[in-house]
Amino acid sequence: DGYAARVVPERLWHESQVVKELNAKGTRIEVTMSLANLQEVTR
């Protein structure tokens, strides 16, 4: 949410990334990805 909801979709973080808007204003989003491990995504 907040500024991250605007900035995160501007970049492809992983090829499996899917961004879904959770409200009409786009101030809340949900990002889903399929990853091999959790190290990088944790950071």
PDB file of all heavy atoms in Angstrom:
ATOM      1  N   ASP A   1       0.845  -1.187   0.000  1.00  0.00           N
ATOM      2  CA  ASP A   1       0.000   0.000   0.000  1.00  0.00           C
ATOM      3  C   ASP A   1       0.880   1.236   0.000  1.00  0.00           C
ATOM      4  O   ASP A   1       2.107   1.141  -0.014  1.00  0.00           O
ATOM      5  CB  ASP A   1      -1.005  -0.004   1.163  1.00  0.00           C
ATOM      6  CG  ASP A   1      -0.341  -0.009   2.531  1.00  0.00           C
ATOM      7  OD1 ASP A   1       0.849   0.356   2.632  1.00  0.00           O
ATOM      8  OD2 ASP A   1      -1.014  -0.368   3.509  1.00  0.00           O
ATOM      9  N   GLY A   2       0.231   2.395  -0.005  1.00  0.00           N
ATOM     10  CA  GLY A   2       0.970   3.650   0.002  1.00  0.00           C
ATOM     11  C   GLY A   2       1.841   3.806  -1.234  1.00  0.00           C
ATOM     12  O   GLY A   2       1.491   3.350  -2.323  1.00  0.00           O
ATOM     13  N   TYR A   3       3.001   4.444  -1.044  1.00  0.00           N
ATOM     14  CA  TYR A   3       3.875   4.723  -2.190  1.00  0.00           C
ATOM     15  C   TYR A   3       4.340   3.439  -2.871  1.00  0.00           C
ATOM     16  O   TYR A   3       4.550   3.422  -4.089  1.00  0.00           O
ATOM     17  CB  TYR A   3       5.071   5.578  -1.748  1.00  0.00           C
ATOM     18  CG  TYR A   3       6.206   4.794  -1.137  1.00  0.00           C
ATOM     19  CD1 TYR A   3       7.299   4.411  -1.923  1.00  0.00           C
ATOM     20  CD2 TYR A   3       6.193   4.412   0.198  1.00  0.00           C
ATOM     21  CE1 TYR A   3       8.340   3.673  -1.385  1.00  0.00           C
ATOM     22  CE2 TYR A   3       7.224   3.687   0.733  1.00  0.00           C
ATOM     23  CZ  TYR A   3       8.302   3.319  -0.051  1.00  0.00           C
ATOM     24  OH  TYR A   3       9.321   2.580   0.485  1.00  0.00           O
ATOM     25  N   ALA A   4       4.490   2.353  -2.115  1.00  0.00           N
ATOM     26  CA  ALA A   4       4.958   1.091  -2.695  1.00  0.00           C
ATOM     27  C   ALA A   4       3.979   0.562  -3.737  1.00  0.00           C
ATOM     28  O   ALA A   4       4.384  -0.019  -4.739  1.00  0.00           O
ATOM     29  CB  ALA A   4       5.183   0.044  -1.601  1.00  0.00           C
ATOM     30  N   ALA A   5       2.687   0.799  -3.527  1.00  0.00           N
ATOM     31  CA  ALA A   5       1.670   0.325  -4.477  1.00  0.00           C
ATOM     32  C   ALA A   5       1.819   1.034  -5.828  1.00  0.00           C
ATOM     33  O   ALA A   5       1.441   0.483  -6.861  1.00  0.00           O
ATOM     34  CB  ALA A   5       0.270   0.542  -3.916  1.00  0.00           C
ATOM     35  N   ARG A   6       2.384   2.232  -5.811  1.00  0.00           N
ATOM     36  CA  ARG A   6       2.612   2.954  -7.074  1.00  0.00           C
ATOM     37  C   ARG A   6       3.940   2.536  -7.707  1.00  0.00           C
ATOM     38  O   ARG A   6       4.044   2.453  -8.928  1.00  0.00           O
ATOM     39  CB  ARG A   6       2.618   4.465  -6.818  1.00  0.00           C
ATOM     40  CG  ARG A   6       1.284   5.038  -6.423  1.00  0.00           C
ATOM     41  CD  ARG A   6       1.305   6.555  -6.381  1.00  0.00           C
ATOM     42  NE  ARG A   6       2.345   7.104  -5.516  1.00  0.00           N
ATOM     43  CZ  ARG A   6       2.213   7.293  -4.199  1.00  0.00           C
ATOM     44  NH1 ARG A   6       1.084   6.950  -3.600  1.00  0.00           N
ATOM     45  NH2 ARG A   6       3.195   7.813  -3.489  1.00  0.00           N
ATOM     46  N   VAL A   7       4.970   2.308  -6.890  1.00  0.00           N
ATOM     47  CA  VAL A   7       6.328   2.069  -7.390  1.00  0.00           C
ATOM     48  C   VAL A   7       6.567   0.610  -7.797  1.00  0.00           C
ATOM     49  O   VAL A   7       7.190   0.356  -8.827  1.00  0.00           O
ATOM     50  CB  VAL A   7       7.365   2.507  -6.321  1.00  0.00           C
ATOM     51  CG1 VAL A   7       8.771   2.203  -6.784  1.00  0.00           C
ATOM     52  CG2 VAL A   7       7.208   3.988  -6.020  1.00  0.00           C
ATOM     53  N   VAL A   8       6.068  -0.341  -7.005  1.00  0.00           N
ATOM     54  CA  VAL A   8       6.338  -1.765  -7.266  1.00  0.00           C
ATOM     55  C   VAL A   8       5.951  -2.198  -8.686  1.00  0.00           C
ATOM     56  O   VAL A   8       6.737  -2.852  -9.360  1.00  0.00           O
ATOM     57  CB  VAL A   8       5.685  -2.663  -6.185  1.00  0.00           C
ATOM     58  CG1 VAL A   8       5.701  -4.130  -6.590  1.00  0.00           C
ATOM     59  CG2 VAL A   8       6.401  -2.481  -4.844  1.00  0.00           C
ATOM     60  N   PRO A   9       4.759  -1.820  -9.197  1.00  0.00           N
ATOM     61  CA  PRO A   9       4.371  -2.290 -10.531  1.00  0.00           C
ATOM     62  C   PRO A   9       5.204  -1.702 -11.672  1.00  0.00           C
ATOM     63  O   PRO A   9       5.156  -2.203 -12.792  1.00  0.00           O
ATOM     64  CB  PRO A   9       2.914  -1.844 -10.669  1.00  0.00           C
ATOM     65  CG  PRO A   9       2.465  -1.501  -9.309  1.00  0.00           C
ATOM     66  CD  PRO A   9       3.677  -1.091  -8.545  1.00  0.00           C
ATOM     67  N   GLU A  10       5.977  -0.643 -11.395  1.00  0.00           N
ATOM     68  CA  GLU A  10       6.765  -0.004 -12.444  1.00  0.00           C
ATOM     69  C   GLU A  10       7.963  -0.847 -12.866  1.00  0.00           C
ATOM     70  O   GLU A  10       8.591  -0.564 -13.874  1.00  0.00           O
ATOM     71  CB  GLU A  10       7.261   1.370 -11.968  1.00  0.00           C
ATOM     72  CG  GLU A  10       6.143   2.381 -11.808  1.00  0.00           C
ATOM     73  CD  GLU A  10       6.628   3.699 -11.222  1.00  0.00           C
ATOM     74  OE1 GLU A  10       7.821   3.801 -10.859  1.00  0.00           O
ATOM     75  OE2 GLU A  10       5.802   4.620 -11.120  1.00  0.00           O
ATOM     76  N   ARG A  11       8.287  -1.856 -12.076  1.00  0.00           N
ATOM     77  CA  ARG A  11       9.462  -2.674 -12.378  1.00  0.00           C
ATOM     78  C   ARG A  11       9.103  -4.159 -12.325  1.00  0.00           C
ATOM     79  O   ARG A  11       8.343  -4.579 -11.471  1.00  0.00           O
ATOM     80  CB  ARG A  11      10.563  -2.369 -11.350  1.00  0.00           C
ATOM     81  CG  ARG A  11      11.816  -3.127 -11.626  1.00  0.00           C
ATOM     82  CD  ARG A  11      12.987  -2.600 -10.837  1.00  0.00           C
ATOM     83  NE  ARG A  11      14.027  -3.627 -10.875  1.00  0.00           N
ATOM     84  CZ  ARG A  11      14.868  -3.892  -9.908  1.00  0.00           C
ATOM     85  NH1 ARG A  11      14.844  -3.191  -8.798  1.00  0.00           N
ATOM     86  NH2 ARG A  11      15.766  -4.832 -10.011  1.00  0.00           N
ATOM     87  N   LEU A  12       9.678  -4.930 -13.235  1.00  0.00           N
ATOM     88  CA  LEU A  12       9.487  -6.379 -13.209  1.00  0.00           C
ATOM     89  C   LEU A  12      10.544  -6.965 -12.269  1.00  0.00           C
ATOM     90  O   LEU A  12      11.735  -6.924 -12.564  1.00  0.00           O
ATOM     91  CB  LEU A  12       9.626  -6.970 -14.612  1.00  0.00           C
ATOM     92  CG  LEU A  12       9.327  -8.461 -14.719  1.00  0.00           C
ATOM     93  CD1 LEU A  12       7.860  -8.753 -14.409  1.00  0.00           C
ATOM     94  CD2 LEU A  12       9.682  -8.981 -16.095  1.00  0.00           C
ATOM     95  N   TRP A  13      10.111  -7.445 -11.129  1.00  0.00           N
ATOM     96  CA  TRP A  13      11.023  -7.987 -10.122  1.00  0.00           C
ATOM     97  C   TRP A  13      11.336  -9.450 -10.404  1.00  0.00           C
ATOM     98  O   TRP A  13      12.378  -9.957 -10.025  1.00  0.00           O
ATOM     99  CB  TRP A  13      10.408  -7.834  -8.728  1.00  0.00           C
ATOM    100  CG  TRP A  13      10.112  -6.406  -8.402  1.00  0.00           C
ATOM    101  CD1 TRP A  13       8.926  -5.752  -8.626  1.00  0.00           C
ATOM    102  CD2 TRP A  13      11.001  -5.434  -7.877  1.00  0.00           C
ATOM    103  NE1 TRP A  13       9.050  -4.440  -8.261  1.00  0.00           N
ATOM    104  CE2 TRP A  13      10.305  -4.221  -7.785  1.00  0.00           C
ATOM    105  CE3 TRP A  13      12.332  -5.482  -7.456  1.00  0.00           C
ATOM    106  CZ2 TRP A  13      10.881  -3.051  -7.297  1.00  0.00           C
ATOM    107  CZ3 TRP A  13      12.900  -4.314  -6.964  1.00  0.00           C
ATOM    108  CH2 TRP A  13      12.184  -3.132  -6.889  1.00  0.00           C
ATOM    109  N   HIS A  14      10.393 -10.141 -11.042  1.00  0.00           N
ATOM    110  CA  HIS A  14      10.578 -11.561 -11.383  1.00  0.00           C
ATOM    111  C   HIS A  14       9.694 -11.866 -12.584  1.00  0.00           C
ATOM    112  O   HIS A  14       8.615 -11.290 -12.724  1.00  0.00           O
ATOM    113  CB  HIS A  14      10.181 -12.438 -10.180  1.00  0.00           C
ATOM    114  CG  HIS A  14      10.594 -13.863 -10.332  1.00  0.00           C
ATOM    115  ND1 HIS A  14       9.742 -14.825 -10.818  1.00  0.00           N
ATOM    116  CD2 HIS A  14      11.766 -14.488 -10.063  1.00  0.00           C
ATOM    117  CE1 HIS A  14      10.386 -15.989 -10.839  1.00  0.00           C
ATOM    118  NE2 HIS A  14      11.614 -15.806 -10.392  1.00  0.00           N
ATOM    119  N   GLU A  15      10.147 -12.777 -13.448  1.00  0.00           N
ATOM    120  CA  GLU A  15       9.381 -13.046 -14.684  1.00  0.00           C
ATOM    121  C   GLU A  15       7.994 -13.625 -14.404  1.00  0.00           C
ATOM    122  O   GLU A  15       7.104 -13.524 -15.237  1.00  0.00           O
ATOM    123  CB  GLU A  15      10.156 -13.943 -15.643  1.00  0.00           C
ATOM    124  CG  GLU A  15      10.392 -15.358 -15.137  1.00  0.00           C
ATOM    125  CD  GLU A  15      11.782 -15.581 -14.564  1.00  0.00           C
ATOM    126  OE1 GLU A  15      12.529 -14.613 -14.406  1.00  0.00           O
ATOM    127  OE2 GLU A  15      12.099 -16.740 -14.253  1.00  0.00           O
ATOM    128  N   SER A  16       7.790 -14.209 -13.226  1.00  0.00           N
ATOM    129  CA  SER A  16       6.477 -14.782 -12.897  1.00  0.00           C
ATOM    130  C   SER A  16       5.549 -13.777 -12.214  1.00  0.00           C
ATOM    131  O   SER A  16       4.424 -14.113 -11.846  1.00  0.00           O
ATOM    132  CB  SER A  16       6.661 -15.999 -11.980  1.00  0.00           C
ATOM    133  OG  SER A  16       7.175 -15.584 -10.718  1.00  0.00           O
ATOM    134  N   GLN A  17       6.022 -12.543 -12.054  1.00  0.00           N
ATOM    135  CA  GLN A  17       5.278 -11.525 -11.305  1.00  0.00           C
ATOM    136  C   GLN A  17       3.921 -11.200 -11.930  1.00  0.00           C
ATOM    137  O   GLN A  17       3.827 -10.966 -13.132  1.00  0.00           O
ATOM    138  CB  GLN A  17       6.135 -10.259 -11.239  1.00  0.00           C
ATOM    139  CG  GLN A  17       5.444  -9.029 -10.710  1.00  0.00           C
ATOM    140  CD  GLN A  17       6.410  -7.855 -10.681  1.00  0.00           C
ATOM    141  OE1 GLN A  17       7.557  -7.997 -10.305  1.00  0.00           O
ATOM    142  NE2 GLN A  17       5.953  -6.690 -11.107  1.00  0.00           N
ATOM    143  N   VAL A  18       2.891 -11.197 -11.096  1.00  0.00           N
ATOM    144  CA  VAL A  18       1.565 -10.745 -11.509  1.00  0.00           C
ATOM    145  C   VAL A  18       1.107  -9.712 -10.486  1.00  0.00           C
ATOM    146  O   VAL A  18       1.176  -9.956  -9.278  1.00  0.00           O
ATOM    147  CB  VAL A  18       0.546 -11.918 -11.558  1.00  0.00           C
ATOM    148  CG1 VAL A  18      -0.849 -11.411 -11.889  1.00  0.00           C
ATOM    149  CG2 VAL A  18       1.003 -12.972 -12.555  1.00  0.00           C
ATOM    150  N   VAL A  19       0.667  -8.551 -10.974  1.00  0.00           N
ATOM    151  CA  VAL A  19       0.208  -7.475 -10.088  1.00  0.00           C
ATOM    152  C   VAL A  19      -1.299  -7.336 -10.242  1.00  0.00           C
ATOM    153  O   VAL A  19      -1.812  -7.267 -11.358  1.00  0.00           O
ATOM    154  CB  VAL A  19       0.894  -6.131 -10.426  1.00  0.00           C
ATOM    155  CG1 VAL A  19       0.347  -5.006  -9.557  1.00  0.00           C
ATOM    156  CG2 VAL A  19       2.404  -6.247 -10.266  1.00  0.00           C
ATOM    157  N   LYS A  20      -1.989  -7.313  -9.095  1.00  0.00           N
ATOM    158  CA  LYS A  20      -3.441  -7.159  -9.101  1.00  0.00           C
ATOM    159  C   LYS A  20      -3.797  -5.951  -8.229  1.00  0.00           C
ATOM    160  O   LYS A  20      -3.337  -5.865  -7.089  1.00  0.00           O
ATOM    161  CB  LYS A  20      -4.083  -8.434  -8.533  1.00  0.00           C
ATOM    162  CG  LYS A  20      -5.605  -8.414  -8.507  1.00  0.00           C
ATOM    163  CD  LYS A  20      -6.166  -9.771  -8.167  1.00  0.00           C
ATOM    164  CE  LYS A  20      -6.216  -9.984  -6.669  1.00  0.00           C
ATOM    165  NZ  LYS A  20      -6.820 -11.266  -6.271  1.00  0.00           N
ATOM    166  N   GLU A  21      -4.581  -5.027  -8.772  1.00  0.00           N
ATOM    167  CA  GLU A  21      -5.033  -3.881  -7.976  1.00  0.00           C
ATOM    168  C   GLU A  21      -6.146  -4.339  -7.043  1.00  0.00           C
ATOM    169  O   GLU A  21      -7.057  -5.049  -7.458  1.00  0.00           O
ATOM    170  CB  GLU A  21      -5.519  -2.744  -8.871  1.00  0.00           C
ATOM    171  CG  GLU A  21      -4.386  -2.048  -9.599  1.00  0.00           C
ATOM    172  CD  GLU A  21      -4.817  -0.748 -10.269  1.00  0.00           C
ATOM    173  OE1 GLU A  21      -6.014  -0.407 -10.234  1.00  0.00           O
ATOM    174  OE2 GLU A  21      -3.927  -0.084 -10.836  1.00  0.00           O
ATOM    175  N   LEU A  22      -6.056  -3.939  -5.786  1.00  0.00           N
ATOM    176  CA  LEU A  22      -7.051  -4.347  -4.790  1.00  0.00           C
ATOM    177  C   LEU A  22      -8.091  -3.268  -4.525  1.00  0.00           C
ATOM    178  O   LEU A  22      -9.077  -3.513  -3.851  1.00  0.00           O
ATOM    179  CB  LEU A  22      -6.354  -4.732  -3.475  1.00  0.00           C
ATOM    180  CG  LEU A  22      -5.397  -5.923  -3.562  1.00  0.00           C
ATOM    181  CD1 LEU A  22      -4.748  -6.174  -2.207  1.00  0.00           C
ATOM    182  CD2 LEU A  22      -6.113  -7.177  -4.042  1.00  0.00           C
ATOM    183  N   ASN A  23      -7.847  -2.067  -5.042  1.00  0.00           N
ATOM    184  CA  ASN A  23      -8.863  -1.018  -4.938  1.00  0.00           C
ATOM    185  C   ASN A  23      -8.833  -0.160  -6.201  1.00  0.00           C
ATOM    186  O   ASN A  23      -7.896  -0.237  -6.994  1.00  0.00           O
ATOM    187  CB  ASN A  23      -8.685  -0.179  -3.660  1.00  0.00           C
ATOM    188  CG  ASN A  23      -7.373   0.599  -3.631  1.00  0.00           C
ATOM    189  OD1 ASN A  23      -6.625   0.624  -4.609  1.00  0.00           O
ATOM    190  ND2 ASN A  23      -7.094   1.229  -2.513  1.00  0.00           N
ATOM    191  N   ALA A  24      -9.865   0.638  -6.379  1.00  0.00           N
ATOM    192  CA  ALA A  24     -10.025   1.396  -7.624  1.00  0.00           C
ATOM    193  C   ALA A  24      -8.925   2.430  -7.821  1.00  0.00           C
ATOM    194  O   ALA A  24      -8.532   2.715  -8.944  1.00  0.00           O
ATOM    195  CB  ALA A  24     -11.392   2.071  -7.628  1.00  0.00           C
ATOM    196  N   LYS A  25      -8.419   2.992  -6.736  1.00  0.00           N
ATOM    197  CA  LYS A  25      -7.398   4.036  -6.837  1.00  0.00           C
ATOM    198  C   LYS A  25      -6.000   3.471  -7.109  1.00  0.00           C
ATOM    199  O   LYS A  25      -5.088   4.216  -7.420  1.00  0.00           O
ATOM    200  CB  LYS A  25      -7.341   4.848  -5.541  1.00  0.00           C
ATOM    201  CG  LYS A  25      -8.564   5.688  -5.271  1.00  0.00           C
ATOM    202  CD  LYS A  25      -8.378   6.448  -3.970  1.00  0.00           C
ATOM    203  CE  LYS A  25      -9.629   7.206  -3.573  1.00  0.00           C
ATOM    204  NZ  LYS A  25      -9.499   7.758  -2.217  1.00  0.00           N
ATOM    205  N   GLY A  26      -5.835   2.161  -6.951  1.00  0.00           N
ATOM    206  CA  GLY A  26      -4.512   1.568  -7.151  1.00  0.00           C
ATOM    207  C   GLY A  26      -3.561   1.839  -6.005  1.00  0.00           C
ATOM    208  O   GLY A  26      -2.343   1.727  -6.156  1.00  0.00           O
ATOM    209  N   THR A  27      -4.106   2.186  -4.846  1.00  0.00           N
ATOM    210  CA  THR A  27      -3.250   2.467  -3.678  1.00  0.00           C
ATOM    211  C   THR A  27      -3.011   1.205  -2.840  1.00  0.00           C
ATOM    212  O   THR A  27      -2.285   1.249  -1.855  1.00  0.00           O
ATOM    213  CB  THR A  27      -3.865   3.564  -2.781  1.00  0.00           C
ATOM    214  OG1 THR A  27      -5.189   3.161  -2.404  1.00  0.00           O
ATOM    215  CG2 THR A  27      -3.923   4.903  -3.506  1.00  0.00           C
ATOM    216  N   ARG A  28      -3.649   0.089  -3.233  1.00  0.00           N
ATOM    217  CA  ARG A  28      -3.391  -1.215  -2.614  1.00  0.00           C
ATOM    218  C   ARG A  28      -3.292  -2.239  -3.736  1.00  0.00           C
ATOM    219  O   ARG A  28      -4.187  -2.330  -4.567  1.00  0.00           O
ATOM    220  CB  ARG A  28      -4.511  -1.613  -1.637  1.00  0.00           C
ATOM    221  CG  ARG A  28      -4.439  -0.870  -0.317  1.00  0.00           C
ATOM    222  CD  ARG A  28      -5.405  -1.429   0.725  1.00  0.00           C
ATOM    223  NE  ARG A  28      -5.016  -2.783   1.083  1.00  0.00           N
ATOM    224  CZ  ARG A  28      -5.851  -3.842   1.066  1.00  0.00           C
ATOM    225  NH1 ARG A  28      -7.098  -3.717   0.705  1.00  0.00           N
ATOM    226  NH2 ARG A  28      -5.426  -5.024   1.413  1.00  0.00           N
ATOM    227  N   ILE A  29      -2.181  -2.971  -3.744  1.00  0.00           N
ATOM    228  CA  ILE A  29      -1.981  -3.990  -4.773  1.00  0.00           C
ATOM    229  C   ILE A  29      -1.537  -5.298  -4.132  1.00  0.00           C
ATOM    230  O   ILE A  29      -1.096  -5.322  -2.980  1.00  0.00           O
ATOM    231  CB  ILE A  29      -0.933  -3.553  -5.827  1.00  0.00           C
ATOM    232  CG1 ILE A  29       0.449  -3.387  -5.178  1.00  0.00           C
ATOM    233  CG2 ILE A  29      -1.377  -2.303  -6.569  1.00  0.00           C
ATOM    234  CD1 ILE A  29       1.598  -3.267  -6.173  1.00  0.00           C
ATOM    235  N   GLU A  30      -1.658  -6.355  -4.924  1.00  0.00           N
ATOM    236  CA  GLU A  30      -1.166  -7.665  -4.493  1.00  0.00           C
ATOM    237  C   GLU A  30      -0.247  -8.182  -5.597  1.00  0.00           C
ATOM    238  O   GLU A  30      -0.611  -8.159  -6.772  1.00  0.00           O
ATOM    239  CB  GLU A  30      -2.348  -8.610  -4.289  1.00  0.00           C
ATOM    240  CG  GLU A  30      -1.962  -9.950  -3.710  1.00  0.00           C
ATOM    241  CD  GLU A  30      -3.206 -10.753  -3.389  1.00  0.00           C
ATOM    242  OE1 GLU A  30      -3.742 -11.409  -4.296  1.00  0.00           O
ATOM    243  OE2 GLU A  30      -3.656 -10.687  -2.231  1.00  0.00           O
ATOM    244  N   VAL A  31       0.944  -8.610  -5.200  1.00  0.00           N
ATOM    245  CA  VAL A  31       1.919  -9.147  -6.144  1.00  0.00           C
ATOM    246  C   VAL A  31       2.090 -10.630  -5.852  1.00  0.00           C
ATOM    247  O   VAL A  31       2.309 -11.019  -4.694  1.00  0.00           O
ATOM    248  CB  VAL A  31       3.281  -8.430  -6.014  1.00  0.00           C
ATOM    249  CG1 VAL A  31       4.318  -9.062  -6.930  1.00  0.00           C
ATOM    250  CG2 VAL A  31       3.135  -6.946  -6.330  1.00  0.00           C
ATOM    251  N   THR A  32       1.963 -11.459  -6.884  1.00  0.00           N
ATOM    252  CA  THR A  32       2.218 -12.890  -6.730  1.00  0.00           C
ATOM    253  C   THR A  32       3.385 -13.273  -7.638  1.00  0.00           C
ATOM    254  O   THR A  32       3.548 -12.708  -8.725  1.00  0.00           O
ATOM    255  CB  THR A  32       0.975 -13.739  -7.075  1.00  0.00           C
ATOM    256  OG1 THR A  32       0.539 -13.398  -8.387  1.00  0.00           O
ATOM    257  CG2 THR A  32      -0.159 -13.515  -6.090  1.00  0.00           C
ATOM    258  N   MET A  33       4.202 -14.209  -7.146  1.00  0.00           N
ATOM    259  CA  MET A  33       5.356 -14.712  -7.890  1.00  0.00           C
ATOM    260  C   MET A  33       5.575 -16.170  -7.517  1.00  0.00           C
ATOM    261  O   MET A  33       5.210 -16.590  -6.422  1.00  0.00           O
ATOM    262  CB  MET A  33       6.627 -13.945  -7.515  1.00  0.00           C
ATOM    263  CG  MET A  33       6.637 -12.486  -7.856  1.00  0.00           C
ATOM    264  SD  MET A  33       8.225 -11.726  -7.449  1.00  0.00           S
ATOM    265  CE  MET A  33       7.786 -10.752  -6.038  1.00  0.00           C
ATOM    266  N   SER A  34       6.176 -16.923  -8.418  1.00  0.00           N
ATOM    267  CA  SER A  34       6.585 -18.304  -8.131  1.00  0.00           C
ATOM    268  C   SER A  34       8.105 -18.331  -8.114  1.00  0.00           C
ATOM    269  O   SER A  34       8.736 -18.070  -9.140  1.00  0.00           O
ATOM    270  CB  SER A  34       6.059 -19.261  -9.196  1.00  0.00           C
ATOM    271  OG  SER A  34       4.648 -19.307  -9.141  1.00  0.00           O
ATOM    272  N   LEU A  35       8.675 -18.626  -6.951  1.00  0.00           N
ATOM    273  CA  LEU A  35      10.122 -18.517  -6.762  1.00  0.00           C
ATOM    274  C   LEU A  35      10.751 -19.840  -6.353  1.00  0.00           C
ATOM    275  O   LEU A  35      10.090 -20.708  -5.786  1.00  0.00           O
ATOM    276  CB  LEU A  35      10.426 -17.461  -5.691  1.00  0.00           C
ATOM    277  CG  LEU A  35       9.804 -16.078  -5.924  1.00  0.00           C
ATOM    278  CD1 LEU A  35      10.057 -15.177  -4.726  1.00  0.00           C
ATOM    279  CD2 LEU A  35      10.341 -15.454  -7.193  1.00  0.00           C
ATOM    280  N   ALA A  36      12.039 -19.965  -6.603  1.00  0.00           N
ATOM    281  CA  ALA A  36      12.780 -21.176  -6.238  1.00  0.00           C
ATOM    282  C   ALA A  36      13.142 -21.189  -4.759  1.00  0.00           C
ATOM    283  O   ALA A  36      13.245 -22.243  -4.142  1.00  0.00           O
ATOM    284  CB  ALA A  36      14.039 -21.296  -7.086  1.00  0.00           C
ATOM    285  N   ASN A  37      13.354 -19.989  -4.178  1.00  0.00           N
ATOM    286  CA  ASN A  37      13.686 -19.897  -2.749  1.00  0.00           C
ATOM    287  C   ASN A  37      13.213 -18.552  -2.214  1.00  0.00           C
ATOM    288  O   ASN A  37      12.744 -17.718  -2.985  1.00  0.00           O
ATOM    289  CB  ASN A  37      15.191 -20.101  -2.510  1.00  0.00           C
ATOM    290  CG  ASN A  37      16.012 -19.008  -3.142  1.00  0.00           C
ATOM    291  OD1 ASN A  37      15.931 -17.841  -2.762  1.00  0.00           O
ATOM    292  ND2 ASN A  37      16.807 -19.367  -4.147  1.00  0.00           N
ATOM    293  N   LEU A  38      13.366 -18.368  -0.910  1.00  0.00           N
ATOM    294  CA  LEU A  38      12.827 -17.157  -0.282  1.00  0.00           C
ATOM    295  C   LEU A  38      13.886 -16.127   0.104  1.00  0.00           C
ATOM    296  O   LEU A  38      13.545 -15.058   0.607  1.00  0.00           O
ATOM    297  CB  LEU A  38      12.028 -17.553   0.974  1.00  0.00           C
ATOM    298  CG  LEU A  38      10.808 -18.433   0.730  1.00  0.00           C
ATOM    299  CD1 LEU A  38      10.164 -18.832   2.048  1.00  0.00           C
ATOM    300  CD2 LEU A  38       9.795 -17.740  -0.171  1.00  0.00           C
ATOM    301  N   GLN A  39      15.177 -16.412  -0.140  1.00  0.00           N
ATOM    302  CA  GLN A  39      16.228 -15.499   0.329  1.00  0.00           C
ATOM    303  C   GLN A  39      16.084 -14.088  -0.247  1.00  0.00           C
ATOM    304  O   GLN A  39      16.014 -13.116   0.499  1.00  0.00           O
ATOM    305  CB  GLN A  39      17.630 -16.042  -0.011  1.00  0.00           C
ATOM    306  CG  GLN A  39      18.133 -17.081   0.963  1.00  0.00           C
ATOM    307  CD  GLN A  39      17.625 -18.485   0.633  1.00  0.00           C
ATOM    308  OE1 GLN A  39      17.080 -18.735  -0.436  1.00  0.00           O
ATOM    309  NE2 GLN A  39      17.774 -19.397   1.561  1.00  0.00           N
ATOM    310  N   GLU A  40      16.057 -13.986  -1.570  1.00  0.00           N
ATOM    311  CA  GLU A  40      16.011 -12.658  -2.185  1.00  0.00           C
ATOM    312  C   GLU A  40      14.701 -11.942  -1.910  1.00  0.00           C
ATOM    313  O   GLU A  40      14.690 -10.736  -1.656  1.00  0.00           O
ATOM    314  CB  GLU A  40      16.208 -12.762  -3.700  1.00  0.00           C
ATOM    315  CG  GLU A  40      17.655 -12.862  -4.108  1.00  0.00           C
ATOM    316  CD  GLU A  40      17.810 -12.810  -5.611  1.00  0.00           C
ATOM    317  OE1 GLU A  40      17.321 -11.834  -6.232  1.00  0.00           O
ATOM    318  OE2 GLU A  40      18.415 -13.732  -6.167  1.00  0.00           O
ATOM    319  N   VAL A  41      13.594 -12.673  -1.949  1.00  0.00           N
ATOM    320  CA  VAL A  41      12.293 -12.026  -1.747  1.00  0.00           C
ATOM    321  C   VAL A  41      12.147 -11.538  -0.308  1.00  0.00           C
ATOM    322  O   VAL A  41      11.483 -10.534  -0.059  1.00  0.00           O
ATOM    323  CB  VAL A  41      11.112 -12.937  -2.181  1.00  0.00           C
ATOM    324  CG1 VAL A  41      10.833 -14.039  -1.181  1.00  0.00           C
ATOM    325  CG2 VAL A  41       9.857 -12.109  -2.430  1.00  0.00           C
ATOM    326  N   THR A  42      12.806 -12.198   0.634  1.00  0.00           N
ATOM    327  CA  THR A  42      12.780 -11.731   2.031  1.00  0.00           C
ATOM    328  C   THR A  42      13.392 -10.336   2.110  1.00  0.00           C
ATOM    329  O   THR A  42      12.804  -9.415   2.698  1.00  0.00           O
ATOM    330  CB  THR A  42      13.528 -12.705   2.957  1.00  0.00           C
ATOM    331  OG1 THR A  42      12.901 -13.986   2.887  1.00  0.00           O
ATOM    332  CG2 THR A  42      13.505 -12.226   4.406  1.00  0.00           C
ATOM    333  N   ARG A  43      14.558 -10.163   1.498  1.00  0.00           N
ATOM    334  CA  ARG A  43      15.219  -8.840   1.500  1.00  0.00           C
ATOM    335  C   ARG A  43      14.370  -7.813   0.752  1.00  0.00           C
ATOM    336  O   ARG A  43      14.287  -6.649   1.157  1.00  0.00           O
ATOM    337  CB  ARG A  43      16.614  -8.935   0.877  1.00  0.00           C
ATOM    338  CG  ARG A  43      17.599  -9.705   1.746  1.00  0.00           C
ATOM    339  CD  ARG A  43      19.023  -9.540   1.258  1.00  0.00           C
ATOM    340  NE  ARG A  43      19.257 -10.122  -0.059  1.00  0.00           N
ATOM    341  CZ  ARG A  43      19.577 -11.395  -0.263  1.00  0.00           C
ATOM    342  NH1 ARG A  43      19.699 -12.221   0.759  1.00  0.00           N
ATOM    343  NH2 ARG A  43      19.783 -11.838  -1.488  1.00  0.00           N
TER     344      ARG A  43
END
